[in-house]
Amino acid sequence: MGLALAAFGWSADQFWRSTHHEFVAMCEARREMNKPEHGQ
C-alpha cells in the first residue's frame, strides 16, 4: 500500500478499490518511466 500511496499518488481508497491487474500495470508503467534512456 505504501508504494501505491507514495509512488503513484493514490489514496488509500484508490488502493483498496484497485484490482491486482491495475496495481501491476501501474508498477510496470512506473518501471518503464524510470528506465535509463538507451545510450546514456
PDB file of N, CA and C in Angstrom:
ATOM      1  N   MET A   1       0.828  -1.187   0.000  1.00  0.00           N
ATOM      2  CA  MET A   1       0.000   0.000   0.000  1.00  0.00           C
ATOM      3  C   MET A   1       0.872   1.250   0.000  1.00  0.00           C
ATOM      4  N   GLY A   2       2.011   1.201   0.703  1.00  0.00           N
ATOM      5  CA  GLY A   2       2.891   2.361   0.752  1.00  0.00           C
ATOM      6  C   GLY A   2       3.383   2.784  -0.617  1.00  0.00           C
ATOM      7  N   LEU A   3       3.687   1.813  -1.463  1.00  0.00           N
ATOM      8  CA  LEU A   3       4.140   2.117  -2.829  1.00  0.00           C
ATOM      9  C   LEU A   3       3.054   2.846  -3.596  1.00  0.00           C
ATOM     10  N   ALA A   4       1.844   2.362  -3.498  1.00  0.00           N
ATOM     11  CA  ALA A   4       0.731   2.991  -4.219  1.00  0.00           C
ATOM     12  C   ALA A   4       0.515   4.427  -3.751  1.00  0.00           C
ATOM     13  N   LEU A   5       0.607   4.656  -2.455  1.00  0.00           N
ATOM     14  CA  LEU A   5       0.394   5.994  -1.930  1.00  0.00           C
ATOM     15  C   LEU A   5       1.556   6.926  -2.274  1.00  0.00           C
ATOM     16  N   ALA A   6       2.778   6.464  -2.069  1.00  0.00           N
ATOM     17  CA  ALA A   6       3.943   7.332  -2.259  1.00  0.00           C
ATOM     18  C   ALA A   6       4.326   7.500  -3.728  1.00  0.00           C
ATOM     19  N   ALA A   7       4.429   6.411  -4.460  1.00  0.00           N
ATOM     20  CA  ALA A   7       4.937   6.488  -5.831  1.00  0.00           C
ATOM     21  C   ALA A   7       3.855   6.819  -6.852  1.00  0.00           C
ATOM     22  N   PHE A   8       2.648   6.322  -6.635  1.00  0.00           N
ATOM     23  CA  PHE A   8       1.590   6.532  -7.619  1.00  0.00           C
ATOM     24  C   PHE A   8       0.680   7.699  -7.280  1.00  0.00           C
ATOM     25  N   GLY A   9       0.744   8.159  -6.045  1.00  0.00           N
ATOM     26  CA  GLY A   9      -0.127   9.249  -5.626  1.00  0.00           C
ATOM     27  C   GLY A   9      -1.567   8.821  -5.385  1.00  0.00           C
ATOM     28  N   TRP A  10      -1.765   7.511  -5.208  1.00  0.00           N
ATOM     29  CA  TRP A  10      -3.108   7.001  -4.953  1.00  0.00           C
ATOM     30  C   TRP A  10      -3.518   7.294  -3.515  1.00  0.00           C
ATOM     31  N   SER A  11      -4.802   7.425  -3.298  1.00  0.00           N
ATOM     32  CA  SER A  11      -5.323   7.491  -1.931  1.00  0.00           C
ATOM     33  C   SER A  11      -5.482   6.061  -1.424  1.00  0.00           C
ATOM     34  N   ALA A  12      -5.690   5.910  -0.127  1.00  0.00           N
ATOM     35  CA  ALA A  12      -5.908   4.579   0.431  1.00  0.00           C
ATOM     36  C   ALA A  12      -7.145   3.943  -0.202  1.00  0.00           C
ATOM     37  N   ASP A  13      -8.172   4.746  -0.433  1.00  0.00           N
ATOM     38  CA  ASP A  13      -9.387   4.231  -1.046  1.00  0.00           C
ATOM     39  C   ASP A  13      -9.117   3.731  -2.463  1.00  0.00           C
ATOM     40  N   GLN A  14      -8.318   4.472  -3.234  1.00  0.00           N
ATOM     41  CA  GLN A  14      -7.975   4.022  -4.584  1.00  0.00           C
ATOM     42  C   GLN A  14      -7.216   2.701  -4.538  1.00  0.00           C
ATOM     43  N   PHE A  15      -6.301   2.567  -3.593  1.00  0.00           N
ATOM     44  CA  PHE A  15      -5.559   1.321  -3.465  1.00  0.00           C
ATOM     45  C   PHE A  15      -6.494   0.154  -3.187  1.00  0.00           C
ATOM     46  N   TRP A  16      -7.371   0.299  -2.212  1.00  0.00           N
ATOM     47  CA  TRP A  16      -8.239  -0.805  -1.817  1.00  0.00           C
ATOM     48  C   TRP A  16      -9.277  -1.136  -2.874  1.00  0.00           C
ATOM     49  N   ARG A  17      -9.640  -0.175  -3.716  1.00  0.00           N
ATOM     50  CA  ARG A  17     -10.619  -0.430  -4.778  1.00  0.00           C
ATOM     51  C   ARG A  17      -9.971  -0.938  -6.072  1.00  0.00           C
ATOM     52  N   SER A  18      -8.655  -0.836  -6.181  1.00  0.00           N
ATOM     53  CA  SER A  18      -7.982  -1.268  -7.411  1.00  0.00           C
ATOM     54  C   SER A  18      -7.919  -2.788  -7.489  1.00  0.00           C
ATOM     55  N   THR A  19      -7.826  -3.267  -8.715  1.00  0.00           N
ATOM     56  CA  THR A  19      -7.665  -4.705  -8.920  1.00  0.00           C
ATOM     57  C   THR A  19      -6.172  -5.026  -8.934  1.00  0.00           C
ATOM     58  N   HIS A  20      -5.872  -6.294  -8.828  1.00  0.00           N
ATOM     59  CA  HIS A  20      -4.478  -6.737  -8.920  1.00  0.00           C
ATOM     60  C   HIS A  20      -3.888  -6.307 -10.262  1.00  0.00           C
ATOM     61  N   HIS A  21      -4.666  -6.441 -11.315  1.00  0.00           N
ATOM     62  CA  HIS A  21      -4.206  -6.065 -12.651  1.00  0.00           C
ATOM     63  C   HIS A  21      -3.853  -4.573 -12.714  1.00  0.00           C
ATOM     64  N   GLU A  22      -4.676  -3.723 -12.143  1.00  0.00           N
ATOM     65  CA  GLU A  22      -4.411  -2.277 -12.146  1.00  0.00           C
ATOM     66  C   GLU A  22      -3.122  -1.955 -11.389  1.00  0.00           C
ATOM     67  N   PHE A  23      -2.921  -2.596 -10.256  1.00  0.00           N
ATOM     68  CA  PHE A  23      -1.715  -2.348  -9.464  1.00  0.00           C
ATOM     69  C   PHE A  23      -0.470  -2.801 -10.215  1.00  0.00           C
ATOM     70  N   VAL A  24      -0.511  -3.985 -10.809  1.00  0.00           N
ATOM     71  CA  VAL A  24       0.641  -4.492 -11.560  1.00  0.00           C
ATOM     72  C   VAL A  24       0.909  -3.599 -12.767  1.00  0.00           C
ATOM     73  N   ALA A  25      -0.135  -3.153 -13.442  1.00  0.00           N
ATOM     74  CA  ALA A  25       0.035  -2.256 -14.587  1.00  0.00           C
ATOM     75  C   ALA A  25       0.716  -0.953 -14.170  1.00  0.00           C
ATOM     76  N   MET A  26       0.350  -0.421 -13.021  1.00  0.00           N
ATOM     77  CA  MET A  26       0.994   0.802 -12.525  1.00  0.00           C
ATOM     78  C   MET A  26       2.463   0.545 -12.198  1.00  0.00           C
ATOM     79  N   CYS A  27       2.762  -0.601 -11.611  1.00  0.00           N
ATOM     80  CA  CYS A  27       4.157  -0.949 -11.307  1.00  0.00           C
ATOM     81  C   CYS A  27       4.980  -1.039 -12.581  1.00  0.00           C
ATOM     82  N   GLU A  28       4.430  -1.689 -13.603  1.00  0.00           N
ATOM     83  CA  GLU A  28       5.139  -1.828 -14.872  1.00  0.00           C
ATOM     84  C   GLU A  28       5.333  -0.477 -15.554  1.00  0.00           C
ATOM     85  N   ALA A  29       4.322   0.369 -15.511  1.00  0.00           N
ATOM     86  CA  ALA A  29       4.433   1.701 -16.113  1.00  0.00           C
ATOM     87  C   ALA A  29       5.493   2.522 -15.393  1.00  0.00           C
ATOM     88  N   ARG A  30       5.517   2.437 -14.082  1.00  0.00           N
ATOM     89  CA  ARG A  30       6.499   3.179 -13.294  1.00  0.00           C
ATOM     90  C   ARG A  30       7.912   2.698 -13.610  1.00  0.00           C
ATOM     91  N   ARG A  31       8.078   1.381 -13.742  1.00  0.00           N
ATOM     92  CA  ARG A  31       9.388   0.814 -14.070  1.00  0.00           C
ATOM     93  C   ARG A  31       9.846   1.307 -15.445  1.00  0.00           C
ATOM     94  N   GLU A  32       8.943   1.325 -16.418  1.00  0.00           N
ATOM     95  CA  GLU A  32       9.296   1.806 -17.758  1.00  0.00           C
ATOM     96  C   GLU A  32       9.672   3.284 -17.735  1.00  0.00           C
ATOM     97  N   MET A  33       8.961   4.071 -16.954  1.00  0.00           N
ATOM     98  CA  MET A  33       9.246   5.502 -16.860  1.00  0.00           C
ATOM     99  C   MET A  33      10.626   5.760 -16.250  1.00  0.00           C
ATOM    100  N   ASN A  34      11.078   4.875 -15.398  1.00  0.00           N
ATOM    101  CA  ASN A  34      12.338   5.091 -14.691  1.00  0.00           C
ATOM    102  C   ASN A  34      13.527   4.388 -15.326  1.00  0.00           C
ATOM    103  N   LYS A  35      13.327   3.749 -16.459  1.00  0.00           N
ATOM    104  CA  LYS A  35      14.438   3.110 -17.171  1.00  0.00           C
ATOM    105  C   LYS A  35      15.349   4.199 -17.735  1.00  0.00           C
ATOM    106  N   PRO A  36      16.664   3.987 -17.651  1.00  0.00           N
ATOM    107  CA  PRO A  36      17.544   4.958 -18.300  1.00  0.00           C
ATOM    108  C   PRO A  36      17.368   4.864 -19.818  1.00  0.00           C
ATOM    109  N   GLU A  37      17.512   6.000 -20.477  1.00  0.00           N
ATOM    110  CA  GLU A  37      17.379   6.001 -21.929  1.00  0.00           C
ATOM    111  C   GLU A  37      18.553   5.276 -22.538  1.00  0.00           C
ATOM    112  N   HIS A  38      18.302   4.634 -23.663  1.00  0.00           N
ATOM    113  CA  HIS A  38      19.347   3.870 -24.353  1.00  0.00           C
ATOM    114  C   HIS A  38      20.478   4.812 -24.768  1.00  0.00           C
ATOM    115  N   GLY A  39      21.714   4.390 -24.478  1.00  0.00           N
ATOM    116  CA  GLY A  39      22.878   5.164 -24.895  1.00  0.00           C
ATOM    117  C   GLY A  39      23.351   6.181 -23.891  1.00  0.00           C
ATOM    118  N   GLN A  40      22.749   6.227 -22.735  1.00  0.00           N
ATOM    119  CA  GLN A  40      23.204   7.188 -21.724  1.00  0.00           C
ATOM    120  C   GLN A  40      23.954   6.494 -20.625  1.00  0.00           C
TER     121      GLN A  40
END
